[in-house]
Amino acid sequence: MENRKATVAVIGAGDYIGAAIAKRFAAEGFTVFAGRRHGEKLAPLVADVEVWGGQIVARSLDARKEDDLTAFLQEADRRAPLEVCIFNVGANVNFP
């Protein structure tokens, strides 16, 4: 796999669509920044990506908090140019 020297941010890297998107970009040589509310649930995704040599950075991330989201995207862009941003937050969560 060729390293593209670029990052992709997946906001809402859940168990299904978000994880599939992250894996696909990692397979194409992007460094993936994966974020979701409960960052500890990203461990299986990290293991899947790293087992075949992909690069992934996993973070807890609450997309409702602008400062957290900004910091997440800035961190990705500092690693390598941020070329793609996927906003895949779930609509099935009820918060006050």
Protein backbone atom coordinates (compact mmCIF):
# COMPACT_ATOMS: atom_id res chain seq x y z
CA MET A 1 0.00 0.00 0.00
CA GLU A 2 1.37 3.38 -0.99
CA ASN A 3 1.19 6.15 1.62
CA ARG A 4 -0.58 9.14 0.08
CA LYS A 5 0.76 11.62 2.63
CA ALA A 6 -2.80 12.84 3.13
CA THR A 7 -5.44 12.44 5.81
CA VAL A 8 -9.13 11.78 5.84
CA ALA A 9 -11.34 12.60 8.83
CA VAL A 10 -14.29 10.31 9.49
CA ILE A 11 -16.61 11.97 11.96
CA GLY A 12 -19.01 9.29 13.09
CA ALA A 13 -16.80 6.27 12.51
CA GLY A 14 -19.41 3.84 13.81
CA ASP A 15 -19.54 0.09 13.50
CA TYR A 16 -20.96 -0.10 9.99
CA ILE A 17 -20.92 2.68 7.38
CA GLY A 18 -18.35 4.85 9.16
CA ALA A 19 -16.01 1.90 9.73
CA ALA A 20 -16.35 0.77 6.10
CA ILE A 21 -15.50 4.26 4.87
CA ALA A 22 -12.47 4.46 7.18
CA LYS A 23 -11.20 1.04 6.07
CA ARG A 24 -11.55 1.93 2.40
CA PHE A 25 -9.59 5.17 2.72
CA ALA A 26 -6.92 3.43 4.83
CA ALA A 27 -6.61 0.77 2.12
CA GLU A 28 -5.97 3.55 -0.39
CA GLY A 29 -3.04 4.87 1.66
CA PHE A 30 -4.67 7.72 3.59
CA THR A 31 -4.00 8.24 7.27
CA VAL A 32 -7.48 7.99 8.76
CA PHE A 33 -8.60 10.10 11.70
CA ALA A 34 -11.62 8.29 13.10
CA GLY A 35 -13.85 9.90 15.68
CA ARG A 36 -16.98 8.86 17.52
CA ARG A 37 -18.64 9.70 20.82
CA HIS A 38 -17.38 6.59 22.58
CA GLY A 39 -13.80 6.36 21.35
CA GLU A 40 -13.16 3.06 23.13
CA LYS A 41 -15.52 1.44 20.61
CA LEU A 42 -13.00 2.25 17.87
CA ALA A 43 -10.60 -0.49 19.03
CA PRO A 44 -11.88 -3.14 16.55
CA LEU A 45 -11.59 -0.66 13.67
CA VAL A 46 -8.06 0.28 14.69
CA ALA A 47 -7.09 -3.41 14.87
CA ASP A 48 -8.61 -4.12 11.44
CA VAL A 49 -6.78 -1.22 9.79
CA GLU A 50 -3.43 -1.82 11.48
CA VAL A 51 -3.35 -5.57 10.83
CA TRP A 52 -2.74 -4.94 7.12
CA GLY A 53 -0.49 -1.91 7.58
CA GLY A 54 -2.96 0.96 7.40
CA GLN A 55 -2.58 4.12 9.44
CA ILE A 56 -5.35 5.24 11.77
CA VAL A 57 -5.72 7.65 14.66
CA ALA A 58 -8.78 7.02 16.82
CA ARG A 59 -10.34 9.64 19.09
CA SER A 60 -13.41 10.17 21.21
CA LEU A 61 -15.29 12.99 19.55
CA ASP A 62 -18.60 14.72 20.21
CA ALA A 63 -19.57 16.37 16.92
CA ARG A 64 -21.97 18.68 18.79
CA LYS A 65 -19.01 20.51 20.34
CA GLU A 66 -17.49 22.92 17.85
CA ASP A 67 -14.17 23.28 19.68
CA ASP A 68 -13.69 19.51 19.84
CA LEU A 69 -14.51 19.12 16.17
CA THR A 70 -12.17 21.96 15.19
CA ALA A 71 -9.32 20.47 17.24
CA PHE A 72 -9.92 17.04 15.67
CA LEU A 73 -9.74 18.43 12.13
CA GLN A 74 -6.70 20.57 12.92
CA GLU A 75 -4.88 17.54 14.35
CA ALA A 76 -5.61 15.60 11.17
CA ASP A 77 -4.38 18.47 9.00
CA ARG A 78 -1.17 18.80 11.04
CA ARG A 79 -0.36 15.11 10.43
CA ALA A 80 -0.68 15.53 6.65
CA PRO A 81 -2.90 17.65 4.42
CA LEU A 82 -6.56 16.95 5.17
CA GLU A 83 -8.01 16.00 1.79
CA VAL A 84 -11.36 14.47 2.71
CA CYS A 85 -13.82 14.97 5.54
CA ILE A 86 -16.73 12.55 6.01
CA PHE A 87 -19.57 13.66 8.30
CA ASN A 88 -21.42 10.48 9.20
CA VAL A 89 -23.00 11.21 12.58
CA GLY A 90 -25.94 9.06 13.60
CA ALA A 91 -29.43 10.47 13.62
CA ASN A 92 -30.73 7.77 15.93
CA VAL A 93 -29.50 9.33 19.18
CA ASN A 94 -31.79 11.30 21.45
CA PHE A 95 -29.99 13.95 23.49
CA PRO A 96 -31.67 16.86 25.28
